[in-house]
């Protein structure tokens, strides 16, 4: 397995307004034809990416005759910037779905989502954490407190939305690299963080943090604690799909083997969190698993919940026009 990180030049932080202006990369070709194409897949080091990690580690892509290179990035924004710049052919699960939509807005027809990772209070990914000995018992009690979130427009908007709807009111949220969340809480630099697994597991097992509430997006944004929140998605560029249809089929089939492993034998998949996320050794056995759904298996209700999530960004001016989830899904 080859794993490396790409250091991209600093660009503007994603914000309200034109995604093309924010990313500054509209019109850049997404991929280039190759005789034997290398498939560079960007990932963010969160637990939801485990199907991709396992597929790489267990050789599923190699067995399919594919040349797949995982690229680790510090944020979902960097993943989509790499895709727009032609430095990656797609994303793994765990990559913020809103960031993918901003890329699609910057360059219409850029990519297709082939697998998403729905989470809620059963399949845990998103959570609010506080220090282990914090007196805070509810999200509403965070009113006026110092709250941080992971980097990127998706994390910030969702954190603010949950805080407001849970009774904390309108608040500012500080962006903080996800790997620093536990340390920031332990040091008393912030009072709470909106974060993603494996952060909660790391903090709990180190005796430093506790979960204030999990599955918060399903509850406060979608209106049902058990609703599927499609916060992360695996994708391939439309350019790659069109130029390499047979390779695309092989890639998705191999990726599906990773998903099936996570669903049927999570214990066998968990060791693949090591090296890709902050989880190491025996801690891998403790991380909660997300669920996974391929685009070809979406029901109308799934699309409706996904669309409700995207519409939040349109309402707040992050998306300059309505993003049609159905148009972004890979049809097979």
Protein backbone atom coordinates (compact mmCIF):
# COMPACT_ATOMS: atom_id res chain seq x y z
CA UNK A 1 0.00 0.00 0.00
CA UNK A 2 1.21 3.48 -0.85
CA UNK A 3 -0.02 6.29 1.38
CA UNK A 4 1.03 9.92 1.23
CA UNK A 5 -0.26 13.36 1.97
CA UNK A 6 -0.55 16.23 -0.46
CA UNK A 7 0.28 19.72 0.79
CA UNK A 8 -1.85 22.16 -1.21
CA UNK A 9 -1.32 25.92 -1.37
CA UNK A 10 -3.45 27.86 1.10
CA UNK A 11 -6.75 29.07 -0.35
CA UNK A 12 -9.68 30.98 0.97
CA UNK A 13 -11.76 29.21 3.57
CA UNK A 14 -15.10 28.05 2.21
CA UNK A 15 -17.75 30.64 3.00
CA UNK A 16 -21.09 31.94 1.80
CA UNK A 17 -21.16 33.00 -1.81
CA UNK A 18 -20.01 31.54 -5.05
CA UNK A 19 -18.25 28.23 -4.59
CA UNK A 20 -16.26 28.92 -7.72
CA UNK A 21 -14.87 32.10 -6.20
CA UNK A 22 -14.31 30.45 -2.84
CA UNK A 23 -12.41 27.52 -4.23
CA UNK A 24 -10.83 29.49 -7.07
CA UNK A 25 -10.63 26.41 -9.21
CA UNK A 26 -13.68 26.41 -11.47
CA UNK A 27 -13.04 25.12 -14.94
CA UNK A 28 -10.01 23.00 -14.04
CA UNK A 29 -10.21 19.51 -15.60
CA UNK A 30 -11.06 16.88 -12.98
CA UNK A 31 -9.02 14.01 -14.41
CA UNK A 32 -6.94 13.03 -17.39
CA UNK A 33 -7.15 9.90 -19.44
CA UNK A 34 -4.49 7.30 -18.82
CA UNK A 35 -3.82 3.95 -20.44
CA UNK A 36 -3.68 2.32 -17.02
CA UNK A 37 -5.34 4.89 -14.82
CA UNK A 38 -4.18 5.50 -11.29
CA UNK A 39 -7.16 6.15 -9.03
CA UNK A 40 -6.19 8.71 -6.41
CA UNK A 41 -8.77 8.82 -3.63
CA UNK A 42 -8.76 11.64 -1.10
CA UNK A 43 -9.78 10.91 2.46
CA UNK A 44 -10.22 12.75 5.73
CA UNK A 45 -9.01 10.82 8.84
CA UNK A 46 -12.41 9.99 10.34
CA UNK A 47 -13.81 6.57 11.22
CA UNK A 48 -16.44 6.65 8.45
CA UNK A 49 -13.70 6.06 5.86
CA UNK A 50 -13.08 2.52 7.13
CA UNK A 51 -14.53 0.64 4.08
CA UNK A 52 -11.95 2.34 1.87
CA UNK A 53 -9.14 1.80 4.38
CA UNK A 54 -10.01 -1.89 4.67
CA UNK A 55 -10.29 -2.34 0.91
CA UNK A 56 -6.79 -0.93 0.50
CA UNK A 57 -5.24 -2.87 3.38
CA UNK A 58 -6.81 -6.20 2.43
CA UNK A 59 -5.83 -5.88 -1.23
CA UNK A 60 -9.32 -5.76 -2.71
CA UNK A 61 -8.34 -3.13 -5.27
CA UNK A 62 -5.13 -4.94 -6.22
CA UNK A 63 -7.06 -8.18 -6.68
CA UNK A 64 -9.29 -6.32 -9.12
CA UNK A 65 -6.21 -5.19 -11.06
CA UNK A 66 -6.57 -1.58 -9.97
CA UNK A 67 -3.93 1.00 -9.08
CA UNK A 68 -5.48 2.87 -6.15
CA UNK A 69 -3.60 5.50 -4.17
CA UNK A 70 -5.04 6.85 -0.88
CA UNK A 71 -4.34 10.54 -0.27
CA UNK A 72 -4.71 11.86 3.27
CA UNK A 73 -5.90 15.44 3.78
CA UNK A 74 -6.44 17.62 6.83
CA UNK A 75 -9.96 18.62 5.79
CA UNK A 76 -12.75 17.76 3.40
CA UNK A 77 -12.17 21.15 1.75
CA UNK A 78 -8.69 20.00 0.73
CA UNK A 79 -10.15 16.79 -0.72
CA UNK A 80 -12.53 18.66 -3.01
CA UNK A 81 -9.81 21.16 -3.96
CA UNK A 82 -7.63 18.24 -5.05
CA UNK A 83 -10.50 16.81 -7.12
CA UNK A 84 -11.13 20.17 -8.78
CA UNK A 85 -7.44 20.57 -9.53
CA UNK A 86 -7.17 17.12 -11.11
CA UNK A 87 -4.99 15.79 -8.28
CA UNK A 88 -7.55 13.20 -7.18
CA UNK A 89 -10.14 11.09 -8.97
CA UNK A 90 -12.54 10.86 -6.07
CA UNK A 91 -13.19 10.75 -2.34
CA UNK A 92 -13.71 8.06 0.27
CA UNK A 93 -16.59 7.81 2.69
CA UNK A 94 -16.28 10.33 5.49
CA UNK A 95 -15.63 13.21 3.09
CA UNK A 96 -18.13 15.97 3.88
CA UNK A 97 -21.05 15.76 1.46
CA UNK A 98 -21.50 19.54 1.56
CA UNK A 99 -17.91 20.03 0.40
CA UNK A 100 -18.60 17.72 -2.54
CA UNK A 101 -21.69 19.79 -3.38
CA UNK A 102 -19.61 22.99 -3.32
CA UNK A 103 -17.24 21.38 -5.79
CA UNK A 104 -20.20 20.41 -7.96
CA UNK A 105 -21.43 23.99 -7.78
CA UNK A 106 -18.01 25.33 -8.77
CA UNK A 107 -17.80 22.94 -11.70
CA UNK A 108 -21.20 21.51 -12.69
CA UNK A 109 -21.06 17.84 -13.56
CA UNK A 110 -17.81 17.41 -11.61
CA UNK A 111 -18.55 14.19 -9.75
CA UNK A 112 -20.97 11.45 -8.78
CA UNK A 113 -21.61 10.05 -5.31
CA UNK A 114 -21.64 6.25 -5.38
CA UNK A 115 -21.75 5.47 -1.65
CA UNK A 116 -22.80 7.54 1.37
CA UNK A 117 -22.46 6.87 5.09
CA UNK A 118 -25.76 7.56 6.90
CA UNK A 119 -25.41 8.11 10.64
CA UNK A 120 -27.75 8.83 13.54
CA UNK A 121 -28.04 7.96 17.23
CA UNK A 122 -27.57 4.26 16.39
CA UNK A 123 -24.81 4.54 13.80
CA UNK A 124 -22.71 7.19 15.51
CA UNK A 125 -20.38 9.60 13.77
CA UNK A 126 -21.28 13.13 14.90
CA UNK A 127 -21.22 14.25 18.53
CA UNK A 128 -20.76 17.08 20.99
CA UNK A 129 -18.02 16.45 23.56
CA UNK A 130 -17.06 18.17 26.80
CA UNK A 131 -14.23 17.57 29.27
CA UNK A 132 -14.80 14.52 31.48
CA UNK A 133 -15.39 16.57 34.63
CA UNK A 134 -17.36 19.38 32.96
CA UNK A 135 -20.55 20.36 34.83
CA UNK A 136 -22.35 20.91 31.50
CA UNK A 137 -25.14 18.35 30.98
CA UNK A 138 -26.97 19.55 27.86
CA UNK A 139 -26.15 21.32 24.61
CA UNK A 140 -28.46 24.13 25.65
CA UNK A 141 -26.14 24.88 28.57
CA UNK A 142 -23.40 25.83 26.11
CA UNK A 143 -24.94 29.26 25.62
CA UNK A 144 -22.15 31.81 25.94
CA UNK A 145 -19.47 29.11 26.19
CA UNK A 146 -16.42 28.52 23.99
CA UNK A 147 -17.31 25.96 21.32
CA UNK A 148 -15.12 24.56 18.55
CA UNK A 149 -15.84 22.38 15.53
CA UNK A 150 -13.88 20.59 12.87
CA UNK A 151 -12.63 22.69 9.92
CA UNK A 152 -14.77 23.49 6.93
CA UNK A 153 -18.12 25.04 6.12
CA UNK A 154 -20.11 21.85 6.79
CA UNK A 155 -18.83 21.41 10.34
CA UNK A 156 -19.23 25.06 11.28
CA UNK A 157 -22.76 25.48 9.94
CA UNK A 158 -23.95 22.22 11.48
CA UNK A 159 -22.44 23.07 14.86
CA UNK A 160 -24.12 26.48 14.85
CA UNK A 161 -27.44 24.99 13.75
CA UNK A 162 -27.44 22.34 16.48
CA UNK A 163 -26.49 24.89 19.13
CA UNK A 164 -29.33 27.18 18.11
CA UNK A 165 -31.96 24.45 17.84
CA UNK A 166 -30.88 22.80 21.10
CA UNK A 167 -31.44 26.02 23.02
CA UNK A 168 -27.98 27.60 23.17
CA UNK A 169 -28.94 30.41 20.82
CA UNK A 170 -26.92 32.04 18.06
CA UNK A 171 -23.24 31.45 18.75
CA UNK A 172 -19.84 31.75 17.12
CA UNK A 173 -17.87 28.55 16.57
CA UNK A 174 -14.09 28.26 16.30
CA UNK A 175 -12.65 25.98 13.60
CA UNK A 176 -10.10 23.57 15.02
CA UNK A 177 -8.34 20.58 13.38
CA UNK A 178 -10.16 17.47 14.48
CA UNK A 179 -6.97 15.92 15.86
CA UNK A 180 -6.73 18.76 18.39
CA UNK A 181 -10.24 18.46 19.85
CA UNK A 182 -9.44 16.16 22.76
CA UNK A 183 -6.34 18.13 23.77
CA UNK A 184 -8.22 21.43 23.58
CA UNK A 185 -10.94 20.14 25.90
CA UNK A 186 -8.45 18.61 28.31
CA UNK A 187 -6.46 21.85 28.47
CA UNK A 188 -9.57 23.93 29.08
CA UNK A 189 -9.08 25.93 25.88
CA UNK A 190 -12.69 25.28 24.84
CA UNK A 191 -15.79 24.19 26.74
CA UNK A 192 -17.17 21.84 24.07
CA UNK A 193 -16.53 20.61 20.56
CA UNK A 194 -18.71 19.43 17.73
CA UNK A 195 -16.68 16.59 16.29
CA UNK A 196 -16.70 13.24 14.51
CA UNK A 197 -15.61 9.77 15.50
CA UNK A 198 -13.04 8.50 16.40
CA UNK A 199 -12.53 11.69 18.47
CA UNK A 200 -15.09 10.75 21.10
CA UNK A 201 -13.65 7.28 21.50
CA UNK A 202 -10.10 8.60 21.83
CA UNK A 203 -11.11 11.11 24.48
CA UNK A 204 -13.23 8.64 26.43
CA UNK A 205 -10.64 5.89 26.54
CA UNK A 206 -7.97 8.36 27.61
CA UNK A 207 -10.25 9.49 30.43
CA UNK A 208 -10.28 13.08 29.15
CA UNK A 209 -13.70 13.69 27.58
CA UNK A 210 -17.29 12.48 27.60
CA UNK A 211 -20.09 12.68 25.06
CA UNK A 212 -22.64 15.38 25.74
CA UNK A 213 -24.88 14.03 22.97
CA UNK A 214 -24.38 11.85 19.87
CA UNK A 215 -26.27 11.70 16.58
CA UNK A 216 -27.05 15.40 16.87
CA UNK A 217 -27.52 16.14 13.16
CA UNK A 218 -30.28 13.56 12.72
CA UNK A 219 -32.09 14.94 15.78
CA UNK A 220 -31.69 18.69 15.42
CA UNK A 221 -31.26 19.18 11.66
CA UNK A 222 -33.35 16.36 10.17
CA UNK A 223 -35.89 16.26 12.99
CA UNK A 224 -35.65 12.56 13.86
CA UNK A 225 -32.89 10.95 16.01
CA UNK A 226 -32.99 7.86 13.78
CA UNK A 227 -33.11 9.67 10.43
CA UNK A 228 -30.18 8.92 8.08
CA UNK A 229 -27.78 11.85 7.96
CA UNK A 230 -25.69 11.50 4.80
CA UNK A 231 -22.89 13.70 6.08
CA UNK A 232 -20.09 11.90 4.24
CA UNK A 233 -19.84 10.37 0.79
CA UNK A 234 -17.56 8.44 -1.52
CA UNK A 235 -17.34 9.80 -5.05
CA UNK A 236 -15.65 9.58 -8.43
CA UNK A 237 -15.31 12.34 -10.98
CA UNK A 238 -17.72 12.22 -13.89
CA UNK A 239 -14.75 12.61 -16.21
CA UNK A 240 -13.13 9.45 -14.83
CA UNK A 241 -16.40 7.50 -14.97
CA UNK A 242 -16.97 8.43 -18.60
CA UNK A 243 -13.40 7.72 -19.71
CA UNK A 244 -13.04 4.48 -17.76
CA UNK A 245 -16.46 2.82 -17.38
CA UNK A 246 -15.07 -0.70 -16.94
CA UNK A 247 -12.47 0.43 -14.40
CA UNK A 248 -15.21 2.33 -12.57
CA UNK A 249 -17.29 -0.85 -12.24
CA UNK A 250 -14.30 -2.76 -10.91
CA UNK A 251 -13.46 0.01 -8.45
CA UNK A 252 -16.98 0.20 -7.04
CA UNK A 253 -17.19 -3.59 -6.79
CA UNK A 254 -13.91 -3.70 -4.85
CA UNK A 255 -15.07 -0.80 -2.67
CA UNK A 256 -18.28 -2.73 -1.98
CA UNK A 257 -16.19 -5.61 -0.64
CA UNK A 258 -14.84 -3.16 1.94
CA UNK A 259 -18.37 -2.04 2.84
CA UNK A 260 -19.56 -5.64 3.13
CA UNK A 261 -16.63 -6.45 5.42
CA UNK A 262 -17.50 -3.55 7.73
CA UNK A 263 -21.16 -4.58 7.84
CA UNK A 264 -20.69 -8.34 8.29
CA UNK A 265 -17.39 -8.59 10.15
CA UNK A 266 -16.51 -5.21 11.70
CA UNK A 267 -13.90 -6.80 13.96
CA UNK A 268 -11.90 -7.78 10.87
CA UNK A 269 -12.20 -4.28 9.41
CA UNK A 270 -11.40 -2.25 12.54
CA UNK A 271 -7.60 -2.73 12.43
CA UNK A 272 -7.61 -0.66 9.23
CA UNK A 273 -8.40 2.45 11.28
CA UNK A 274 -4.76 2.38 12.35
CA UNK A 275 -2.58 4.64 10.27
CA UNK A 276 -5.52 6.41 8.67
CA UNK A 277 -7.08 7.92 11.82
CA UNK A 278 -5.97 8.82 15.35
CA UNK A 279 -7.02 5.39 16.62
CA UNK A 280 -4.21 2.94 17.40
CA UNK A 281 -3.88 -0.60 18.76
CA UNK A 282 -6.62 -1.97 20.99
CA UNK A 283 -8.57 1.28 20.75
CA UNK A 284 -9.77 0.24 17.28
CA UNK A 285 -12.20 -2.20 18.90
CA UNK A 286 -14.10 0.64 20.59
CA UNK A 287 -14.96 2.95 17.70
CA UNK A 288 -18.66 2.97 16.68
CA UNK A 289 -19.37 2.17 13.04
CA UNK A 290 -21.35 4.25 10.57
CA UNK A 291 -23.80 2.64 8.16
CA UNK A 292 -23.25 2.62 4.38
CA UNK A 293 -25.64 2.87 1.44
CA UNK A 294 -24.80 2.70 -2.24
CA UNK A 295 -26.43 5.24 -4.52
CA UNK A 296 -28.16 2.51 -6.50
CA UNK A 297 -29.96 1.41 -3.30
CA UNK A 298 -31.31 4.83 -2.27
CA UNK A 299 -35.04 4.92 -1.51
CA UNK A 300 -37.12 8.08 -2.07
CA UNK A 301 -37.04 8.71 1.70
CA UNK A 302 -33.24 8.56 1.70
CA UNK A 303 -33.04 11.12 -1.08
CA UNK A 304 -35.54 13.32 0.78
CA UNK A 305 -33.43 13.33 3.97
CA UNK A 306 -30.25 13.95 1.95
CA UNK A 307 -31.99 16.83 0.17
CA UNK A 308 -33.17 18.32 3.48
CA UNK A 309 -29.55 18.34 4.64
CA UNK A 310 -28.40 20.09 1.46
CA UNK A 311 -31.26 22.59 1.62
CA UNK A 312 -29.90 23.86 4.95
CA UNK A 313 -26.83 25.15 3.10
CA UNK A 314 -28.98 26.81 0.45
CA UNK A 315 -31.06 28.52 3.14
CA UNK A 316 -27.91 29.96 4.71
CA UNK A 317 -26.43 31.14 1.41
CA UNK A 318 -23.55 28.62 1.43
CA UNK A 319 -24.95 27.12 -1.77
CA UNK A 320 -25.82 29.92 -4.19
CA UNK A 321 -28.50 27.76 -5.76
CA UNK A 322 -30.39 24.61 -4.83
CA UNK A 323 -28.27 21.47 -5.23
CA UNK A 324 -30.24 18.48 -6.53
CA UNK A 325 -29.09 15.39 -4.64
CA UNK A 326 -30.61 13.07 -7.22
CA UNK A 327 -28.50 14.61 -9.95
CA UNK A 328 -25.32 13.95 -7.99
CA UNK A 329 -25.95 10.25 -7.43
CA UNK A 330 -24.19 7.61 -9.55
CA UNK A 331 -26.87 5.63 -11.38
CA UNK A 332 -24.74 2.57 -12.12
